[in-house]
Amino acid sequence: MILTLLRQRRRRWLRSQPFPKKWLTLIQRHVVFFRRLSASDRAELLGHIQIFLAEKRFEGCGGFEITDEVRVTIAAQACLLLLHRRTDYFPGLLTILVYPLTYMVEERRQVGEHVWEEGTVSRLGETGRRMGSLVLSWGAVKHGAADPSDGKNVVLHEFAHQLDFENDAADGVPELVTREQQLAWAAVMRAEFASLRAADESGIPALLDTYGATDPAEFFAVSVEAFFERPRALRAHHPKLYAELRKYFQQDPVEFSAESFGEEQRLLS
């Protein structure tokens, strides 16, 4: 209890401090969506960034140097997920590891009932419920910050997984307050996940990245990417999914989206 009160007091103090001008310049220069937020949302986001950067540790991998640009570009995108909600700032996350570009990992995956395949695969990011860390490619981070409407954002994707972990599971269900919210979420997500799997198996064009057909956890992560990057298209083609995400995040990204008019038609053509 005492530790919680001390943490809350420290966070209030951090939010009250002037935001460093150098950091603000970097965000304005590199994080495109920031310019489209309302004044109140920009102020709230900067407060979250102050706390995020004070509490999370960054480490460079493969000789990569962590700079203020790296830290604030990642923090700004991650903290977009925290606007308008009570938050504990991704409590299971301690360290953010950053590679300069795509990195390679050894992977073992099942390709048949009793058949497993081992090999080296490239990745842009990853995290896990028990890792305490999150890995990102700086190249992918920069691309996501510079193009807020291409449907791809590795920071939003991996930090969505961190939200998923807040209910102590990696099941595509973030922490929801009431039983009513949980039931509504489950009904919509179950139907939407089944629809994406069917589209993936049949080759039908889909708005959501079909990587989301892997499992419910990945479905939630790609849905979050679409919610913030292609909100008009998601609202038009998946209104129930959009509504659930809007209720959870307490945001309507259509209000600050860079998505062009008619984009939803082009995506599925």
Protein backbone atom coordinates (compact mmCIF):
# COMPACT_ATOMS: atom_id res chain seq x y z
CA MET A 1 0.00 0.00 0.00
CA ILE A 2 2.80 2.42 0.96
CA LEU A 3 4.72 1.56 -2.21
CA THR A 4 1.60 2.17 -4.31
CA LEU A 5 1.03 5.58 -2.71
CA LEU A 6 4.67 6.53 -3.23
CA ARG A 7 4.47 5.44 -6.86
CA GLN A 8 1.32 7.47 -7.42
CA ARG A 9 2.87 10.51 -5.79
CA ARG A 10 6.00 10.21 -7.92
CA ARG A 11 3.91 9.84 -11.07
CA ARG A 12 1.92 12.97 -10.24
CA TRP A 13 5.19 14.84 -9.75
CA LEU A 14 6.58 13.58 -13.06
CA ARG A 15 3.42 14.66 -14.91
CA SER A 16 3.70 18.12 -13.37
CA GLN A 17 7.24 18.72 -14.62
CA PRO A 18 7.87 20.81 -17.75
CA PHE A 19 8.25 18.56 -20.76
CA PRO A 20 11.82 18.81 -22.14
CA LYS A 21 11.85 20.99 -25.24
CA LYS A 22 14.31 18.68 -26.97
CA TRP A 23 11.96 15.72 -26.51
CA LEU A 24 9.00 17.70 -27.78
CA THR A 25 10.92 18.75 -30.89
CA LEU A 26 11.80 15.11 -31.58
CA ILE A 27 8.18 14.01 -31.20
CA GLN A 28 6.88 16.79 -33.42
CA ARG A 29 9.47 15.91 -36.05
CA HIS A 30 9.18 12.14 -36.07
CA VAL A 31 5.77 11.06 -34.69
CA VAL A 32 3.22 12.12 -37.29
CA PHE A 33 0.01 11.31 -35.40
CA PHE A 34 1.02 13.67 -32.57
CA ARG A 35 0.32 16.71 -34.74
CA ARG A 36 -3.26 15.54 -35.35
CA LEU A 37 -4.22 15.05 -31.68
CA SER A 38 -6.30 17.61 -29.82
CA ALA A 39 -4.45 19.97 -27.48
CA SER A 40 -5.78 18.13 -24.42
CA ASP A 41 -4.72 14.74 -25.80
CA ARG A 42 -1.25 16.05 -26.63
CA ALA A 43 -0.87 17.31 -23.08
CA GLU A 44 -2.07 14.02 -21.61
CA LEU A 45 0.24 12.04 -23.89
CA LEU A 46 3.28 14.09 -22.87
CA GLY A 47 2.50 13.42 -19.21
CA HIS A 48 2.35 9.68 -19.86
CA ILE A 49 5.64 9.85 -21.75
CA GLN A 50 7.32 11.52 -18.75
CA ILE A 51 6.31 8.60 -16.54
CA PHE A 52 7.01 5.90 -19.13
CA LEU A 53 10.56 7.11 -19.73
CA ALA A 54 11.23 7.39 -15.99
CA GLU A 55 10.11 3.83 -15.31
CA LYS A 56 11.28 1.79 -18.31
CA ARG A 57 14.86 0.84 -19.13
CA PHE A 58 16.15 0.85 -22.71
CA GLU A 59 19.01 -1.28 -24.01
CA GLY A 60 20.59 -1.29 -27.45
CA CYS A 61 21.33 -4.63 -29.15
CA GLY A 62 23.76 -5.48 -31.92
CA GLY A 63 25.82 -2.38 -31.24
CA PHE A 64 22.81 -0.06 -31.47
CA GLU A 65 23.00 3.19 -29.47
CA ILE A 66 19.98 4.32 -27.49
CA THR A 67 19.37 8.04 -28.01
CA ASP A 68 16.66 10.46 -26.93
CA GLU A 69 15.12 10.08 -30.39
CA VAL A 70 14.82 6.34 -29.91
CA ARG A 71 13.33 6.63 -26.44
CA VAL A 72 10.74 9.32 -27.14
CA THR A 73 9.70 7.88 -30.52
CA ILE A 74 8.93 4.54 -28.90
CA ALA A 75 7.34 6.09 -25.81
CA ALA A 76 5.02 8.38 -27.79
CA GLN A 77 3.59 5.50 -29.81
CA ALA A 78 3.27 3.18 -26.81
CA CYS A 79 1.57 5.82 -24.67
CA LEU A 80 -1.08 6.46 -27.31
CA LEU A 81 -2.63 3.23 -25.99
CA LEU A 82 -2.98 4.78 -22.52
CA LEU A 83 -4.98 7.94 -23.25
CA HIS A 84 -8.27 8.50 -21.40
CA ARG A 85 -7.89 5.45 -19.16
CA ARG A 86 -6.59 4.62 -15.71
CA THR A 87 -3.30 2.89 -16.30
CA ASP A 88 -0.40 1.27 -14.48
CA TYR A 89 1.98 1.84 -17.41
CA PHE A 90 2.49 -1.71 -18.68
CA PRO A 91 3.34 -3.08 -15.22
CA GLY A 92 4.89 -6.35 -16.42
CA LEU A 93 7.40 -4.56 -18.62
CA LEU A 94 10.81 -3.57 -17.30
CA THR A 95 13.14 -3.36 -20.30
CA ILE A 96 12.83 -2.40 -23.97
CA LEU A 97 15.50 -3.94 -26.20
CA VAL A 98 16.13 -2.22 -29.53
CA TYR A 99 17.91 -3.63 -32.57
CA PRO A 100 18.93 -1.35 -35.45
CA LEU A 101 16.97 -3.32 -38.07
CA THR A 102 15.37 -6.73 -38.48
CA TYR A 103 16.92 -9.27 -36.11
CA MET A 104 17.22 -13.05 -36.33
CA VAL A 105 16.05 -15.65 -33.81
CA GLU A 106 16.04 -19.42 -33.63
CA GLU A 107 12.52 -20.77 -33.77
CA ARG A 108 10.95 -24.20 -33.38
CA ARG A 109 7.44 -24.54 -34.79
CA GLN A 110 5.00 -27.37 -35.30
CA VAL A 111 4.23 -28.15 -38.96
CA GLY A 112 2.37 -31.43 -38.41
CA GLU A 113 0.82 -33.53 -35.67
CA HIS A 114 4.18 -34.96 -34.64
CA VAL A 115 6.47 -32.90 -36.84
CA TRP A 116 8.48 -29.90 -35.69
CA GLU A 117 10.66 -27.62 -37.76
CA GLU A 118 13.65 -25.64 -36.52
CA GLY A 119 15.24 -22.68 -38.24
CA THR A 120 16.26 -19.06 -38.16
CA VAL A 121 13.56 -16.44 -38.75
CA SER A 122 13.65 -12.64 -38.96
CA ARG A 123 11.56 -10.47 -36.66
CA LEU A 124 10.63 -6.84 -36.17
CA GLY A 125 9.46 -7.20 -32.57
CA GLU A 126 8.35 -9.59 -29.86
CA THR A 127 7.38 -9.79 -26.22
CA GLY A 128 6.09 -12.41 -23.82
CA ARG A 129 4.06 -12.61 -20.64
CA ARG A 130 6.99 -13.80 -18.52
CA MET A 131 9.78 -12.01 -20.36
CA GLY A 132 9.66 -8.68 -18.53
CA SER A 133 11.02 -7.22 -21.74
CA LEU A 134 9.94 -6.18 -25.20
CA VAL A 135 12.07 -6.26 -28.36
CA LEU A 136 11.78 -3.83 -31.26
CA SER A 137 13.49 -3.08 -34.56
CA TRP A 138 14.34 0.62 -34.74
CA GLY A 139 13.81 0.59 -38.49
CA ALA A 140 10.25 -0.65 -38.00
CA VAL A 141 9.65 1.80 -35.14
CA LYS A 142 10.65 4.76 -37.33
CA HIS A 143 8.47 3.55 -40.20
CA GLY A 144 5.45 3.20 -37.91
CA ALA A 145 5.94 6.70 -36.51
CA ALA A 146 6.33 8.24 -39.97
CA ASP A 147 3.35 6.51 -41.62
CA PRO A 148 0.35 6.38 -39.26
CA SER A 149 -2.12 4.97 -41.78
CA ASP A 150 -0.48 1.97 -43.47
CA GLY A 151 -1.96 -0.49 -40.96
CA LYS A 152 1.47 -1.56 -39.70
CA ASN A 153 2.91 -0.38 -36.40
CA VAL A 154 5.23 -2.66 -34.48
CA VAL A 155 5.09 -0.52 -31.32
CA LEU A 156 1.30 -0.60 -31.15
CA HIS A 157 1.35 -4.34 -31.89
CA GLU A 158 3.84 -5.32 -29.20
CA PHE A 159 2.45 -2.99 -26.56
CA ALA A 160 -1.03 -4.33 -27.29
CA HIS A 161 0.38 -7.69 -26.16
CA GLN A 162 1.46 -6.01 -22.93
CA LEU A 163 -2.12 -4.82 -22.37
CA ASP A 164 -3.26 -8.38 -23.05
CA PHE A 165 -0.95 -9.66 -20.29
CA GLU A 166 -2.55 -7.43 -17.66
CA ASN A 167 -5.18 -10.08 -16.90
CA ASP A 168 -2.34 -12.59 -16.26
CA ALA A 169 -2.89 -14.44 -19.55
CA ALA A 170 -1.95 -14.16 -23.22
CA ASP A 171 -5.45 -14.76 -24.52
CA GLY A 172 -6.37 -11.63 -26.49
CA VAL A 173 -8.39 -10.25 -23.59
CA PRO A 174 -7.07 -7.15 -21.79
CA GLU A 175 -8.14 -6.28 -18.28
CA LEU A 176 -11.88 -5.55 -18.40
CA VAL A 177 -13.67 -4.20 -15.34
CA THR A 178 -17.14 -5.72 -15.40
CA ARG A 179 -18.62 -9.11 -16.24
CA GLU A 180 -20.84 -7.40 -18.81
CA GLN A 181 -17.79 -5.97 -20.59
CA GLN A 182 -16.09 -9.37 -20.56
CA LEU A 183 -19.10 -11.13 -22.09
CA ALA A 184 -19.56 -8.50 -24.81
CA TRP A 185 -15.86 -8.59 -25.65
CA ALA A 186 -15.78 -12.40 -25.84
CA ALA A 187 -18.80 -12.60 -28.17
CA VAL A 188 -17.46 -10.03 -30.64
CA MET A 189 -13.85 -11.21 -30.62
CA ARG A 190 -14.81 -14.86 -31.03
CA ALA A 191 -16.90 -14.10 -34.12
CA GLU A 192 -14.32 -11.72 -35.64
CA PHE A 193 -11.45 -14.13 -35.04
CA ALA A 194 -13.37 -16.95 -36.73
CA SER A 195 -14.12 -14.66 -39.67
CA LEU A 196 -10.44 -13.76 -40.11
CA ARG A 197 -9.41 -17.41 -39.93
CA ALA A 198 -11.94 -18.28 -42.61
CA ALA A 199 -10.66 -15.44 -44.81
CA ASP A 200 -7.08 -16.59 -44.31
CA GLU A 201 -7.89 -20.19 -45.21
CA SER A 202 -9.91 -19.24 -48.30
CA GLY A 203 -7.65 -16.44 -49.55
CA ILE A 204 -10.40 -13.82 -49.37
CA PRO A 205 -9.00 -10.25 -49.03
CA ALA A 206 -9.18 -9.02 -45.45
CA LEU A 207 -8.74 -5.63 -43.85
CA LEU A 208 -7.01 -7.13 -40.82
CA ASP A 209 -3.55 -8.61 -41.18
CA THR A 210 -4.09 -12.35 -41.49
CA TYR A 211 -1.25 -12.90 -39.02
CA GLY A 212 -4.05 -12.24 -36.56
CA ALA A 213 -5.53 -15.61 -37.53
CA THR A 214 -2.64 -17.29 -35.66
CA ASP A 215 -4.36 -17.14 -32.26
CA PRO A 216 -6.56 -14.78 -30.17
CA ALA A 217 -3.54 -12.93 -28.76
CA GLU A 218 -2.26 -12.03 -32.23
CA PHE A 219 -5.80 -11.19 -33.33
CA PHE A 220 -6.05 -8.59 -30.57
CA ALA A 221 -2.66 -7.11 -31.50
CA VAL A 222 -3.44 -6.72 -35.22
CA SER A 223 -6.89 -5.37 -34.36
CA VAL A 224 -5.25 -2.66 -32.26
CA GLU A 225 -2.99 -1.76 -35.20
CA ALA A 226 -6.02 -1.44 -37.48
CA PHE A 227 -8.02 0.49 -34.87
CA PHE A 228 -5.42 3.25 -34.64
CA GLU A 229 -4.07 3.15 -38.20
CA ARG A 230 -7.15 2.39 -40.32
CA PRO A 231 -10.06 3.38 -38.11
CA ARG A 232 -12.43 4.47 -40.88
CA ALA A 233 -12.00 1.20 -42.72
CA LEU A 234 -12.32 -0.84 -39.52
CA ARG A 235 -15.47 1.03 -38.48
CA ALA A 236 -17.01 0.51 -41.94
CA HIS A 237 -16.22 -3.20 -42.32
CA HIS A 238 -16.06 -4.40 -38.71
CA PRO A 239 -18.38 -2.06 -36.74
CA LYS A 240 -18.78 -4.37 -33.74
CA LEU A 241 -15.03 -4.88 -33.43
CA TYR A 242 -14.47 -1.15 -33.72
CA ALA A 243 -17.10 -0.48 -31.05
CA GLU A 244 -15.49 -2.88 -28.57
CA LEU A 245 -12.04 -1.37 -29.08
CA ARG A 246 -13.47 2.12 -28.79
CA LYS A 247 -15.11 1.25 -25.47
CA TYR A 248 -11.91 -0.32 -24.14
CA PHE A 249 -9.52 2.45 -25.24
CA GLN A 250 -12.07 5.24 -24.67
CA GLN A 251 -10.83 6.82 -27.89
CA ASP A 252 -12.16 7.35 -31.40
CA PRO A 253 -9.10 7.39 -33.70
CA VAL A 254 -11.23 8.58 -36.63
CA GLU A 255 -10.92 12.01 -35.00
CA PHE A 256 -7.16 12.16 -35.60
CA SER A 257 -6.64 9.60 -38.35
CA ALA A 258 -4.43 10.30 -41.36
CA GLU A 259 -6.32 7.63 -43.31
CA SER A 260 -7.40 9.03 -46.67
CA PHE A 261 -11.04 9.27 -47.78
CA GLY A 262 -12.20 6.08 -49.48
CA GLU A 263 -9.24 4.12 -48.13
CA GLU A 264 -11.49 1.31 -46.91
CA GLN A 265 -12.61 0.57 -50.48
CA ARG A 266 -9.06 0.50 -51.85
CA LEU A 267 -7.86 -1.85 -49.11
CA LEU A 268 -10.36 -4.57 -50.04
CA SER A 269 -10.33 -4.16 -53.80
